[in-house]
Amino acid sequence: MDADQLRDHCLSFTGAEETFPFGPETSVFKVGGKMFALSRFNPDDLRVSLKCEPRLAENLRAVHPEVIPGYHLNKQHWNTVILGGKLEDAAIRDMIEDSYDLVVSKLPKAERRALGWDGGAG
């Protein structure tokens, strides 16, 4: 997965938007005003940080050397995923979707309904 594919995938979710609260070099992807992914899109070291359930975050780190504790984030709830390694694009896409779903699940019911969110099924 390259930087363009990463950006496109993050923006493919209903209500997703790209913002730059930390400056022009860091893309922050939000839904309902809440962050679900961020990346600097460095072509020499492409990474994305994603929200994750704490137990799953630990399991992913134990199984995949490309998944490390979230850089400058709450390490219990965030992982940083190093792209361009052995981790398959499908696994990366799944982690991004899980992050989006986790954030949306915490939004007020009316916002979830407005997004057409079905609990992450499908």
PDB file of N, CA and C in Angstrom:
ATOM      1  N   MET A   1       0.851  -1.175   0.000  1.00  0.00           N
ATOM      2  CA  MET A   1       0.000   0.000   0.000  1.00  0.00           C
ATOM      3  C   MET A   1       0.896   1.238   0.000  1.00  0.00           C
ATOM      4  N   ASP A   2       0.645   2.127  -0.942  1.00  0.00           N
ATOM      5  CA  ASP A   2       1.428   3.362  -0.989  1.00  0.00           C
ATOM      6  C   ASP A   2       0.626   4.500  -0.350  1.00  0.00           C
ATOM      7  N   ALA A   3       1.197   5.693  -0.334  1.00  0.00           N
ATOM      8  CA  ALA A   3       0.581   6.830   0.337  1.00  0.00           C
ATOM      9  C   ALA A   3      -0.767   7.191  -0.278  1.00  0.00           C
ATOM     10  N   ASP A   4      -0.857   7.188  -1.604  1.00  0.00           N
ATOM     11  CA  ASP A   4      -2.126   7.529  -2.255  1.00  0.00           C
ATOM     12  C   ASP A   4      -3.209   6.510  -1.927  1.00  0.00           C
ATOM     13  N   GLN A   5      -2.845   5.237  -1.926  1.00  0.00           N
ATOM     14  CA  GLN A   5      -3.816   4.194  -1.585  1.00  0.00           C
ATOM     15  C   GLN A   5      -4.260   4.318  -0.127  1.00  0.00           C
ATOM     16  N   LEU A   6      -3.329   4.647   0.749  1.00  0.00           N
ATOM     17  CA  LEU A   6      -3.653   4.827   2.160  1.00  0.00           C
ATOM     18  C   LEU A   6      -4.633   5.983   2.331  1.00  0.00           C
ATOM     19  N   ARG A   7      -4.334   7.121   1.732  1.00  0.00           N
ATOM     20  CA  ARG A   7      -5.222   8.287   1.824  1.00  0.00           C
ATOM     21  C   ARG A   7      -6.601   7.943   1.253  1.00  0.00           C
ATOM     22  N   ASP A   8      -6.618   7.340   0.070  1.00  0.00           N
ATOM     23  CA  ASP A   8      -7.892   6.999  -0.565  1.00  0.00           C
ATOM     24  C   ASP A   8      -8.717   6.056   0.319  1.00  0.00           C
ATOM     25  N   HIS A   9      -8.065   5.093   0.928  1.00  0.00           N
ATOM     26  CA  HIS A   9      -8.804   4.150   1.766  1.00  0.00           C
ATOM     27  C   HIS A   9      -9.359   4.847   3.005  1.00  0.00           C
ATOM     28  N   CYS A  10      -8.558   5.682   3.641  1.00  0.00           N
ATOM     29  CA  CYS A  10      -9.039   6.400   4.830  1.00  0.00           C
ATOM     30  C   CYS A  10     -10.227   7.290   4.492  1.00  0.00           C
ATOM     31  N   LEU A  11     -10.218   7.875   3.313  1.00  0.00           N
ATOM     32  CA  LEU A  11     -11.303   8.765   2.910  1.00  0.00           C
ATOM     33  C   LEU A  11     -12.502   8.026   2.309  1.00  0.00           C
ATOM     34  N   SER A  12     -12.389   6.715   2.146  1.00  0.00           N
ATOM     35  CA  SER A  12     -13.474   5.943   1.527  1.00  0.00           C
ATOM     36  C   SER A  12     -14.636   5.688   2.488  1.00  0.00           C
ATOM     37  N   PHE A  13     -14.440   5.945   3.765  1.00  0.00           N
ATOM     38  CA  PHE A  13     -15.483   5.680   4.754  1.00  0.00           C
ATOM     39  C   PHE A  13     -16.455   6.855   4.843  1.00  0.00           C
ATOM     40  N   THR A  14     -17.711   6.539   5.037  1.00  0.00           N
ATOM     41  CA  THR A  14     -18.750   7.564   5.133  1.00  0.00           C
ATOM     42  C   THR A  14     -18.414   8.572   6.229  1.00  0.00           C
ATOM     43  N   GLY A  15     -18.436   9.845   5.861  1.00  0.00           N
ATOM     44  CA  GLY A  15     -18.195  10.916   6.826  1.00  0.00           C
ATOM     45  C   GLY A  15     -16.743  11.183   7.134  1.00  0.00           C
ATOM     46  N   ALA A  16     -15.820  10.433   6.530  1.00  0.00           N
ATOM     47  CA  ALA A  16     -14.394  10.619   6.808  1.00  0.00           C
ATOM     48  C   ALA A  16     -13.914  11.924   6.180  1.00  0.00           C
ATOM     49  N   GLU A  17     -13.042  12.613   6.891  1.00  0.00           N
ATOM     50  CA  GLU A  17     -12.453  13.840   6.380  1.00  0.00           C
ATOM     51  C   GLU A  17     -10.981  13.888   6.757  1.00  0.00           C
ATOM     52  N   GLU A  18     -10.197  14.545   5.926  1.00  0.00           N
ATOM     53  CA  GLU A  18      -8.768  14.730   6.173  1.00  0.00           C
ATOM     54  C   GLU A  18      -8.563  16.137   6.720  1.00  0.00           C
ATOM     55  N   THR A  19      -7.889  16.226   7.863  1.00  0.00           N
ATOM     56  CA  THR A  19      -7.614  17.514   8.488  1.00  0.00           C
ATOM     57  C   THR A  19      -6.117  17.611   8.780  1.00  0.00           C
ATOM     58  N   PHE A  20      -5.671  18.807   9.154  1.00  0.00           N
ATOM     59  CA  PHE A  20      -4.245  19.049   9.389  1.00  0.00           C
ATOM     60  C   PHE A  20      -4.021  19.838  10.683  1.00  0.00           C
ATOM     61  N   PRO A  21      -4.518  19.327  11.828  1.00  0.00           N
ATOM     62  CA  PRO A  21      -4.382  20.078  13.082  1.00  0.00           C
ATOM     63  C   PRO A  21      -2.949  20.169  13.611  1.00  0.00           C
ATOM     64  N   PHE A  22      -2.068  19.303  13.144  1.00  0.00           N
ATOM     65  CA  PHE A  22      -0.676  19.290  13.625  1.00  0.00           C
ATOM     66  C   PHE A  22       0.283  19.901  12.611  1.00  0.00           C
ATOM     67  N   GLY A  23      -0.253  20.555  11.597  1.00  0.00           N
ATOM     68  CA  GLY A  23       0.577  21.156  10.563  1.00  0.00           C
ATOM     69  C   GLY A  23       0.356  20.466   9.234  1.00  0.00           C
ATOM     70  N   PRO A  24       0.871  21.069   8.165  1.00  0.00           N
ATOM     71  CA  PRO A  24       0.588  20.569   6.812  1.00  0.00           C
ATOM     72  C   PRO A  24       1.221  19.220   6.485  1.00  0.00           C
ATOM     73  N   GLU A  25       2.180  18.765   7.276  1.00  0.00           N
ATOM     74  CA  GLU A  25       2.859  17.504   6.961  1.00  0.00           C
ATOM     75  C   GLU A  25       2.189  16.277   7.582  1.00  0.00           C
ATOM     76  N   THR A  26       1.197  16.481   8.457  1.00  0.00           N
ATOM     77  CA  THR A  26       0.548  15.351   9.119  1.00  0.00           C
ATOM     78  C   THR A  26      -0.937  15.336   8.812  1.00  0.00           C
ATOM     79  N   SER A  27      -1.380  14.312   8.101  1.00  0.00           N
ATOM     80  CA  SER A  27      -2.801  14.136   7.791  1.00  0.00           C
ATOM     81  C   SER A  27      -3.472  13.407   8.941  1.00  0.00           C
ATOM     82  N   VAL A  28      -4.580  13.967   9.394  1.00  0.00           N
ATOM     83  CA  VAL A  28      -5.391  13.355  10.436  1.00  0.00           C
ATOM     84  C   VAL A  28      -6.761  13.075   9.833  1.00  0.00           C
ATOM     85  N   PHE A  29      -7.162  11.828   9.896  1.00  0.00           N
ATOM     86  CA  PHE A  29      -8.449  11.416   9.344  1.00  0.00           C
ATOM     87  C   PHE A  29      -9.441  11.286  10.491  1.00  0.00           C
ATOM     88  N   LYS A  30     -10.578  11.963  10.326  1.00  0.00           N
ATOM     89  CA  LYS A  30     -11.582  12.017  11.380  1.00  0.00           C
ATOM     90  C   LYS A  30     -12.942  11.614  10.845  1.00  0.00           C
ATOM     91  N   VAL A  31     -13.776  11.180  11.781  1.00  0.00           N
ATOM     92  CA  VAL A  31     -15.191  10.975  11.523  1.00  0.00           C
ATOM     93  C   VAL A  31     -15.919  11.527  12.743  1.00  0.00           C
ATOM     94  N   GLY A  32     -16.930  12.332  12.490  1.00  0.00           N
ATOM     95  CA  GLY A  32     -17.652  12.942  13.605  1.00  0.00           C
ATOM     96  C   GLY A  32     -16.756  13.792  14.483  1.00  0.00           C
ATOM     97  N   GLY A  33     -15.697  14.357  13.903  1.00  0.00           N
ATOM     98  CA  GLY A  33     -14.769  15.194  14.662  1.00  0.00           C
ATOM     99  C   GLY A  33     -13.765  14.423  15.499  1.00  0.00           C
ATOM    100  N   LYS A  34     -13.773  13.101  15.401  1.00  0.00           N
ATOM    101  CA  LYS A  34     -12.871  12.248  16.192  1.00  0.00           C
ATOM    102  C   LYS A  34     -11.872  11.553  15.272  1.00  0.00           C
ATOM    103  N   MET A  35     -10.629  11.511  15.705  1.00  0.00           N
ATOM    104  CA  MET A  35      -9.554  10.937  14.916  1.00  0.00           C
ATOM    105  C   MET A  35      -9.626   9.405  14.893  1.00  0.00           C
ATOM    106  N   PHE A  36      -9.467   8.825  13.682  1.00  0.00           N
ATOM    107  CA  PHE A  36      -9.357   7.368  13.573  1.00  0.00           C
ATOM    108  C   PHE A  36      -8.054   6.935  12.894  1.00  0.00           C
ATOM    109  N   ALA A  37      -7.340   7.873  12.261  1.00  0.00           N
ATOM    110  CA  ALA A  37      -6.060   7.538  11.624  1.00  0.00           C
ATOM    111  C   ALA A  37      -5.236   8.803  11.447  1.00  0.00           C
ATOM    112  N   LEU A  38      -3.909   8.645  11.497  1.00  0.00           N
ATOM    113  CA  LEU A  38      -3.037   9.751  11.142  1.00  0.00           C
ATOM    114  C   LEU A  38      -1.764   9.228  10.523  1.00  0.00           C
ATOM    115  N   SER A  39      -1.219  10.024   9.594  1.00  0.00           N
ATOM    116  CA  SER A  39      -0.008   9.627   8.880  1.00  0.00           C
ATOM    117  C   SER A  39       0.719  10.868   8.398  1.00  0.00           C
ATOM    118  N   ARG A  40       2.045  10.759   8.331  1.00  0.00           N
ATOM    119  CA  ARG A  40       2.854  11.841   7.760  1.00  0.00           C
ATOM    120  C   ARG A  40       3.113  11.609   6.278  1.00  0.00           C
ATOM    121  N   PHE A  41       2.731  10.467   5.752  1.00  0.00           N
ATOM    122  CA  PHE A  41       2.906  10.116   4.341  1.00  0.00           C
ATOM    123  C   PHE A  41       4.349  10.271   3.885  1.00  0.00           C
ATOM    124  N   ASN A  42       5.280   9.908   4.751  1.00  0.00           N
ATOM    125  CA  ASN A  42       6.701   9.940   4.415  1.00  0.00           C
ATOM    126  C   ASN A  42       6.989   8.778   3.462  1.00  0.00           C
ATOM    127  N   PRO A  43       7.393   9.070   2.222  1.00  0.00           N
ATOM    128  CA  PRO A  43       7.606   7.977   1.257  1.00  0.00           C
ATOM    129  C   PRO A  43       8.739   7.032   1.648  1.00  0.00           C
ATOM    130  N   ASP A  44       9.686   7.489   2.461  1.00  0.00           N
ATOM    131  CA  ASP A  44      10.798   6.638   2.881  1.00  0.00           C
ATOM    132  C   ASP A  44      10.458   5.803   4.112  1.00  0.00           C
ATOM    133  N   ASP A  45       9.386   6.165   4.809  1.00  0.00           N
ATOM    134  CA  ASP A  45       9.015   5.477   6.044  1.00  0.00           C
ATOM    135  C   ASP A  45       7.515   5.659   6.263  1.00  0.00           C
ATOM    136  N   LEU A  46       6.710   5.049   5.383  1.00  0.00           N
ATOM    137  CA  LEU A  46       5.265   5.225   5.429  1.00  0.00           C
ATOM    138  C   LEU A  46       4.678   4.452   6.609  1.00  0.00           C
ATOM    139  N   ARG A  47       3.962   5.191   7.457  1.00  0.00           N
ATOM    140  CA  ARG A  47       3.316   4.624   8.642  1.00  0.00           C
ATOM    141  C   ARG A  47       1.950   5.243   8.797  1.00  0.00           C
ATOM    142  N   VAL A  48       1.074   4.523   9.495  1.00  0.00           N
ATOM    143  CA  VAL A  48      -0.228   5.062   9.853  1.00  0.00           C
ATOM    144  C   VAL A  48      -0.527   4.632  11.289  1.00  0.00           C
ATOM    145  N   SER A  49      -1.034   5.556  12.075  1.00  0.00           N
ATOM    146  CA  SER A  49      -1.431   5.243  13.445  1.00  0.00           C
ATOM    147  C   SER A  49      -2.942   5.066  13.469  1.00  0.00           C
ATOM    148  N   LEU A  50      -3.375   3.998  14.169  1.00  0.00           N
ATOM    149  CA  LEU A  50      -4.780   3.606  14.171  1.00  0.00           C
ATOM    150  C   LEU A  50      -5.264   3.269  15.565  1.00  0.00           C
ATOM    151  N   LYS A  51      -6.487   3.640  15.846  1.00  0.00           N
ATOM    152  CA  LYS A  51      -7.110   3.298  17.118  1.00  0.00           C
ATOM    153  C   LYS A  51      -7.412   1.794  17.121  1.00  0.00           C
ATOM    154  N   CYS A  52      -7.339   1.188  18.308  1.00  0.00           N
ATOM    155  CA  CYS A  52      -7.517  -0.260  18.393  1.00  0.00           C
ATOM    156  C   CYS A  52      -7.975  -0.640  19.793  1.00  0.00           C
ATOM    157  N   GLU A  53      -8.787  -1.671  19.886  1.00  0.00           N
ATOM    158  CA  GLU A  53      -9.156  -2.216  21.192  1.00  0.00           C
ATOM    159  C   GLU A  53      -7.867  -2.652  21.897  1.00  0.00           C
ATOM    160  N   PRO A  54      -7.715  -2.387  23.203  1.00  0.00           N
ATOM    161  CA  PRO A  54      -6.450  -2.668  23.890  1.00  0.00           C
ATOM    162  C   PRO A  54      -5.933  -4.103  23.750  1.00  0.00           C
ATOM    163  N   ARG A  55      -6.781  -5.093  23.922  1.00  0.00           N
ATOM    164  CA  ARG A  55      -6.308  -6.492  23.819  1.00  0.00           C
ATOM    165  C   ARG A  55      -5.884  -6.836  22.402  1.00  0.00           C
ATOM    166  N   LEU A  56      -6.672  -6.381  21.451  1.00  0.00           N
ATOM    167  CA  LEU A  56      -6.328  -6.630  20.048  1.00  0.00           C
ATOM    168  C   LEU A  56      -5.032  -5.906  19.687  1.00  0.00           C
ATOM    169  N   ALA A  57      -4.861  -4.695  20.203  1.00  0.00           N
ATOM    170  CA  ALA A  57      -3.632  -3.935  19.931  1.00  0.00           C
ATOM    171  C   ALA A  57      -2.412  -4.732  20.372  1.00  0.00           C
ATOM    172  N   GLU A  58      -2.470  -5.298  21.565  1.00  0.00           N
ATOM    173  CA  GLU A  58      -1.356  -6.104  22.077  1.00  0.00           C
ATOM    174  C   GLU A  58      -1.137  -7.345  21.219  1.00  0.00           C
ATOM    175  N   ASN A  59      -2.223  -8.012  20.839  1.00  0.00           N
ATOM    176  CA  ASN A  59      -2.106  -9.223  20.014  1.00  0.00           C
ATOM    177  C   ASN A  59      -1.480  -8.908  18.657  1.00  0.00           C
ATOM    178  N   LEU A  60      -1.924  -7.819  18.034  1.00  0.00           N
ATOM    179  CA  LEU A  60      -1.361  -7.448  16.729  1.00  0.00           C
ATOM    180  C   LEU A  60       0.131  -7.160  16.836  1.00  0.00           C
ATOM    181  N   ARG A  61       0.535  -6.493  17.914  1.00  0.00           N
ATOM    182  CA  ARG A  61       1.964  -6.196  18.121  1.00  0.00           C
ATOM    183  C   ARG A  61       2.763  -7.478  18.318  1.00  0.00           C
ATOM    184  N   ALA A  62       2.172  -8.448  18.993  1.00  0.00           N
ATOM    185  CA  ALA A  62       2.873  -9.702  19.269  1.00  0.00           C
ATOM    186  C   ALA A  62       3.059 -10.537  18.003  1.00  0.00           C
ATOM    187  N   VAL A  63       2.113 -10.440  17.085  1.00  0.00           N
ATOM    188  CA  VAL A  63       2.118 -11.272  15.878  1.00  0.00           C
ATOM    189  C   VAL A  63       2.848 -10.617  14.706  1.00  0.00           C
ATOM    190  N   HIS A  64       2.755  -9.285  14.614  1.00  0.00           N
ATOM    191  CA  HIS A  64       3.295  -8.578  13.445  1.00  0.00           C
ATOM    192  C   HIS A  64       4.371  -7.573  13.856  1.00  0.00           C
ATOM    193  N   PRO A  65       5.614  -7.771  13.442  1.00  0.00           N
ATOM    194  CA  PRO A  65       6.661  -6.809  13.784  1.00  0.00           C
ATOM    195  C   PRO A  65       6.420  -5.424  13.187  1.00  0.00           C
ATOM    196  N   GLU A  66       5.549  -5.328  12.167  1.00  0.00           N
ATOM    197  CA  GLU A  66       5.235  -4.036  11.546  1.00  0.00           C
ATOM    198  C   GLU A  66       4.232  -3.225  12.369  1.00  0.00           C
ATOM    199  N   VAL A  67       3.688  -3.825  13.418  1.00  0.00           N
ATOM    200  CA  VAL A  67       2.718  -3.132  14.278  1.00  0.00           C
ATOM    201  C   VAL A  67       3.403  -2.845  15.610  1.00  0.00           C
ATOM    202  N   ILE A  68       3.502  -1.556  15.924  1.00  0.00           N
ATOM    203  CA  ILE A  68       4.197  -1.116  17.128  1.00  0.00           C
ATOM    204  C   ILE A  68       3.277  -0.209  17.946  1.00  0.00           C
ATOM    205  N   PRO A  69       3.605   0.032  19.219  1.00  0.00           N
ATOM    206  CA  PRO A  69       2.770   0.942  20.006  1.00  0.00           C
ATOM    207  C   PRO A  69       2.655   2.307  19.327  1.00  0.00           C
ATOM    208  N   GLY A  70       1.503   2.928  19.460  1.00  0.00           N
ATOM    209  CA  GLY A  70       1.232   4.210  18.814  1.00  0.00           C
ATOM    210  C   GLY A  70       2.268   5.268  19.158  1.00  0.00           C
ATOM    211  N   TYR A  71       2.852   5.850  18.140  1.00  0.00           N
ATOM    212  CA  TYR A  71       3.880   6.874  18.294  1.00  0.00           C
ATOM    213  C   TYR A  71       3.234   8.173  18.775  1.00  0.00           C
ATOM    214  N   HIS A  72       3.664   8.671  19.914  1.00  0.00           N
ATOM    215  CA  HIS A  72       3.135   9.906  20.523  1.00  0.00           C
ATOM    216  C   HIS A  72       1.638   9.832  20.792  1.00  0.00           C
ATOM    217  N   LEU A  73       1.125   8.631  21.040  1.00  0.00           N
ATOM    218  CA  LEU A  73      -0.299   8.433  21.318  1.00  0.00           C
ATOM    219  C   LEU A  73      -0.441   7.506  22.516  1.00  0.00           C
ATOM    220  N   ASN A  74      -1.642   7.380  23.041  1.00  0.00           N
ATOM    221  CA  ASN A  74      -1.910   6.461  24.132  1.00  0.00           C
ATOM    222  C   ASN A  74      -1.654   5.041  23.624  1.00  0.00           C
ATOM    223  N   LYS A  75      -0.590   4.438  24.102  1.00  0.00           N
ATOM    224  CA  LYS A  75      -0.142   3.147  23.589  1.00  0.00           C
ATOM    225  C   LYS A  75      -1.098   2.004  23.915  1.00  0.00           C
ATOM    226  N   GLN A  76      -2.003   2.232  24.847  1.00  0.00           N
ATOM    227  CA  GLN A  76      -2.992   1.206  25.153  1.00  0.00           C
ATOM    228  C   GLN A  76      -4.053   1.129  24.048  1.00  0.00           C
ATOM    229  N   HIS A  77      -4.347   2.271  23.433  1.00  0.00           N
ATOM    230  CA  HIS A  77      -5.448   2.344  22.473  1.00  0.00           C
ATOM    231  C   HIS A  77      -5.022   2.605  21.031  1.00  0.00           C
ATOM    232  N   TRP A  78      -3.731   2.804  20.797  1.00  0.00           N
ATOM    233  CA  TRP A  78      -3.269   3.150  19.446  1.00  0.00           C
ATOM    234  C   TRP A  78      -2.080   2.299  19.042  1.00  0.00           C
ATOM    235  N   ASN A  79      -2.093   1.858  17.795  1.00  0.00           N
ATOM    236  CA  ASN A  79      -0.956   1.177  17.171  1.00  0.00           C
ATOM    237  C   ASN A  79      -0.460   2.025  16.007  1.00  0.00           C
ATOM    238  N   THR A  80       0.825   1.952  15.749  1.00  0.00           N
ATOM    239  CA  THR A  80       1.393   2.514  14.534  1.00  0.00           C
ATOM    240  C   THR A  80       1.777   1.339  13.645  1.00  0.00           C
ATOM    241  N   VAL A  81       1.319   1.379  12.402  1.00  0.00           N
ATOM    242  CA  VAL A  81       1.545   0.301  11.449  1.00  0.00           C
ATOM    243  C   VAL A  81       2.548   0.785  10.411  1.00  0.00           C
ATOM    244  N   ILE A  82       3.644   0.038  10.266  1.00  0.00           N
ATOM    245  CA  ILE A  82       4.676   0.355   9.282  1.00  0.00           C
ATOM    246  C   ILE A  82       4.282  -0.310   7.972  1.00  0.00           C
ATOM    247  N   LEU A  83       4.066   0.514   6.945  1.00  0.00           N
ATOM    248  CA  LEU A  83       3.666  -0.006   5.639  1.00  0.00           C
ATOM    249  C   LEU A  83       4.898  -0.309   4.803  1.00  0.00           C
ATOM    250  N   GLY A  84       4.711  -1.108   3.785  1.00  0.00           N
ATOM    251  CA  GLY A  84       5.821  -1.448   2.912  1.00  0.00           C
ATOM    252  C   GLY A  84       6.596  -2.661   3.383  1.00  0.00           C
ATOM    253  N   GLY A  85       6.116  -3.308   4.430  1.00  0.00           N
ATOM    254  CA  GLY A  85       6.766  -4.511   4.934  1.00  0.00           C
ATOM    255  C   GLY A  85       6.037  -5.753   4.464  1.00  0.00           C
ATOM    256  N   LYS A  86       6.006  -6.751   5.297  1.00  0.00           N
ATOM    257  CA  LYS A  86       5.391  -8.023   4.931  1.00  0.00           C
ATOM    258  C   LYS A  86       3.889  -8.055   5.208  1.00  0.00           C
ATOM    259  N   LEU A  87       3.388  -7.045   5.899  1.00  0.00           N
ATOM    260  CA  LEU A  87       1.972  -7.010   6.230  1.00  0.00           C
ATOM    261  C   LEU A  87       1.158  -6.768   4.956  1.00  0.00           C
ATOM    262  N   GLU A  88       0.192  -7.638   4.694  1.00  0.00           N
ATOM    263  CA  GLU A  88      -0.611  -7.558   3.471  1.00  0.00           C
ATOM    264  C   GLU A  88      -1.536  -6.351   3.504  1.00  0.00           C
ATOM    265  N   ASP A  89      -1.801  -5.807   2.323  1.00  0.00           N
ATOM    266  CA  ASP A  89      -2.688  -4.652   2.205  1.00  0.00           C
ATOM    267  C   ASP A  89      -4.059  -4.932   2.816  1.00  0.00           C
ATOM    268  N   ALA A  90      -4.568  -6.152   2.637  1.00  0.00           N
ATOM    269  CA  ALA A  90      -5.884  -6.497   3.181  1.00  0.00           C
ATOM    270  C   ALA A  90      -5.890  -6.369   4.702  1.00  0.00           C
ATOM    271  N   ALA A  91      -4.803  -6.777   5.354  1.00  0.00           N
ATOM    272  CA  ALA A  91      -4.714  -6.659   6.809  1.00  0.00           C
ATOM    273  C   ALA A  91      -4.678  -5.190   7.229  1.00  0.00           C
ATOM    274  N   ILE A  92      -3.970  -4.378   6.462  1.00  0.00           N
ATOM    275  CA  ILE A  92      -3.895  -2.942   6.764  1.00  0.00           C
ATOM    276  C   ILE A  92      -5.268  -2.310   6.585  1.00  0.00           C
ATOM    277  N   ARG A  93      -5.945  -2.647   5.497  1.00  0.00           N
ATOM    278  CA  ARG A  93      -7.293  -2.120   5.265  1.00  0.00           C
ATOM    279  C   ARG A  93      -8.236  -2.526   6.399  1.00  0.00           C
ATOM    280  N   ASP A  94      -8.122  -3.774   6.865  1.00  0.00           N
ATOM    281  CA  ASP A  94      -8.961  -4.243   7.977  1.00  0.00           C
ATOM    282  C   ASP A  94      -8.683  -3.440   9.246  1.00  0.00           C
ATOM    283  N   MET A  95      -7.425  -3.148   9.527  1.00  0.00           N
ATOM    284  CA  MET A  95      -7.085  -2.373  10.727  1.00  0.00           C
ATOM    285  C   MET A  95      -7.628  -0.946  10.635  1.00  0.00           C
ATOM    286  N   ILE A  96      -7.581  -0.369   9.438  1.00  0.00           N
ATOM    287  CA  ILE A  96      -8.131   0.980   9.248  1.00  0.00           C
ATOM    288  C   ILE A  96      -9.646   0.949   9.466  1.00  0.00           C
ATOM    289  N   GLU A  97     -10.304  -0.043   8.891  1.00  0.00           N
ATOM    290  CA  GLU A  97     -11.754  -0.164   9.066  1.00  0.00           C
ATOM    291  C   GLU A  97     -12.118  -0.386  10.533  1.00  0.00           C
ATOM    292  N   ASP A  98     -11.351  -1.224  11.230  1.00  0.00           N
ATOM    293  CA  ASP A  98     -11.595  -1.451  12.659  1.00  0.00           C
ATOM    294  C   ASP A  98     -11.456  -0.155  13.447  1.00  0.00           C
ATOM    295  N   SER A  99     -10.458   0.661  13.105  1.00  0.00           N
ATOM    296  CA  SER A  99     -10.258   1.936  13.784  1.00  0.00           C
ATOM    297  C   SER A  99     -11.454   2.857  13.545  1.00  0.00           C
ATOM    298  N   TYR A 100     -11.877   2.959  12.295  1.00  0.00           N
ATOM    299  CA  TYR A 100     -13.043   3.770  11.946  1.00  0.00           C
ATOM    300  C   TYR A 100     -14.261   3.293  12.733  1.00  0.00           C
ATOM    301  N   ASP A 101     -14.519   1.979  12.713  1.00  0.00           N
ATOM    302  CA  ASP A 101     -15.683   1.422  13.406  1.00  0.00           C
ATOM    303  C   ASP A 101     -15.628   1.686  14.907  1.00  0.00           C
ATOM    304  N   LEU A 102     -14.452   1.578  15.484  1.00  0.00           N
ATOM    305  CA  LEU A 102     -14.294   1.815  16.916  1.00  0.00           C
ATOM    306  C   LEU A 102     -14.658   3.257  17.262  1.00  0.00           C
ATOM    307  N   VAL A 103     -14.198   4.194  16.448  1.00  0.00           N
ATOM    308  CA  VAL A 103     -14.503   5.605  16.684  1.00  0.00           C
ATOM    309  C   VAL A 103     -15.991   5.877  16.462  1.00  0.00           C
ATOM    310  N   VAL A 104     -16.540   5.382  15.374  1.00  0.00           N
ATOM    311  CA  VAL A 104     -17.960   5.614  15.090  1.00  0.00           C
ATOM    312  C   VAL A 104     -18.836   5.004  16.183  1.00  0.00           C
ATOM    313  N   SER A 105     -18.454   3.856  16.703  1.00  0.00           N
ATOM    314  CA  SER A 105     -19.263   3.193  17.732  1.00  0.00           C
ATOM    315  C   SER A 105     -19.417   4.039  18.994  1.00  0.00           C
ATOM    316  N   LYS A 106     -18.503   4.987  19.196  1.00  0.00           N
ATOM    317  CA  LYS A 106     -18.544   5.852  20.378  1.00  0.00           C
ATOM    318  C   LYS A 106     -19.268   7.176  20.112  1.00  0.00           C
ATOM    319  N   LEU A 107     -19.652   7.421  18.871  1.00  0.00           N
ATOM    320  CA  LEU A 107     -20.377   8.646  18.544  1.00  0.00           C
ATOM    321  C   LEU A 107     -21.822   8.550  19.047  1.00  0.00           C
ATOM    322  N   PRO A 108     -22.464   9.695  19.257  1.00  0.00           N
ATOM    323  CA  PRO A 108     -23.879   9.664  19.653  1.00  0.00           C
ATOM    324  C   PRO A 108     -24.725   8.920  18.625  1.00  0.00           C
ATOM    325  N   LYS A 109     -25.795   8.314  19.112  1.00  0.00           N
ATOM    326  CA  LYS A 109     -26.663   7.485  18.273  1.00  0.00           C
ATOM    327  C   LYS A 109     -27.127   8.227  17.015  1.00  0.00           C
ATOM    328  N   ALA A 110     -27.504   9.491  17.157  1.00  0.00           N
ATOM    329  CA  ALA A 110     -27.980  10.262  16.000  1.00  0.00           C
ATOM    330  C   ALA A 110     -26.884  10.408  14.942  1.00  0.00           C
ATOM    331  N   GLU A 111     -25.639  10.590  15.370  1.00  0.00           N
ATOM    332  CA  GLU A 111     -24.527  10.697  14.408  1.00  0.00           C
ATOM    333  C   GLU A 111     -24.271   9.361  13.732  1.00  0.00           C
ATOM    334  N   ARG A 112     -24.322   8.271  14.506  1.00  0.00           N
ATOM    335  CA  ARG A 112     -24.142   6.944  13.905  1.00  0.00           C
ATOM    336  C   ARG A 112     -25.222   6.682  12.865  1.00  0.00           C
ATOM    337  N   ARG A 113     -26.461   7.030  13.197  1.00  0.00           N
ATOM    338  CA  ARG A 113     -27.573   6.832  12.279  1.00  0.00           C
ATOM    339  C   ARG A 113     -27.389   7.676  11.019  1.00  0.00           C
ATOM    340  N   ALA A 114     -26.949   8.933  11.188  1.00  0.00           N
ATOM    341  CA  ALA A 114     -26.736   9.830  10.046  1.00  0.00           C
ATOM    342  C   ALA A 114     -25.642   9.295   9.116  1.00  0.00           C
ATOM    343  N   LEU A 115     -24.684   8.581   9.679  1.00  0.00           N
ATOM    344  CA  LEU A 115     -23.603   7.985   8.876  1.00  0.00           C
ATOM    345  C   LEU A 115     -24.053   6.680   8.214  1.00  0.00           C
ATOM    346  N   GLY A 116     -25.220   6.183   8.619  1.00  0.00           N
ATOM    347  CA  GLY A 116     -25.685   4.909   8.080  1.00  0.00           C
ATOM    348  C   GLY A 116     -24.873   3.744   8.605  1.00  0.00           C
ATOM    349  N   TRP A 117     -24.279   3.937   9.788  1.00  0.00           N
ATOM    350  CA  TRP A 117     -23.381   2.920  10.348  1.00  0.00           C
ATOM    351  C   TRP A 117     -24.201   1.762  10.895  1.00  0.00           C
ATOM    352  N   ASP A 118     -23.806   0.559  10.550  1.00  0.00           N
ATOM    353  CA  ASP A 118     -24.555  -0.647  10.939  1.00  0.00           C
ATOM    354  C   ASP A 118     -23.835  -1.487  11.974  1.00  0.00           C
ATOM    355  N   GLY A 119     -22.913  -0.870  12.721  1.00  0.00           N
ATOM    356  CA  GLY A 119     -22.182  -1.621  13.728  1.00  0.00           C
ATOM    357  C   GLY A 119     -20.954  -2.289  13.177  1.00  0.00           C
ATOM    358  N   GLY A 120     -20.541  -1.929  11.981  1.00  0.00           N
ATOM    359  CA  GLY A 120     -19.332  -2.491  11.404  1.00  0.00           C
ATOM    360  C   GLY A 120     -19.553  -3.793  10.687  1.00  0.00           C
ATOM    361  N   ALA A 121     -20.802  -4.227  10.574  1.00  0.00           N
ATOM    362  CA  ALA A 121     -21.080  -5.485   9.874  1.00  0.00           C
ATOM    363  C   ALA A 121     -20.907  -5.303   8.379  1.00  0.00           C
ATOM    364  N   GLY A 122     -20.411  -6.335   7.756  1.00  0.00           N
ATOM    365  CA  GLY A 122     -20.302  -6.306   6.300  1.00  0.00           C
ATOM    366  C   GLY A 122     -18.953  -5.995   5.919  1.00  0.00           C
TER     367      GLY A 122
END
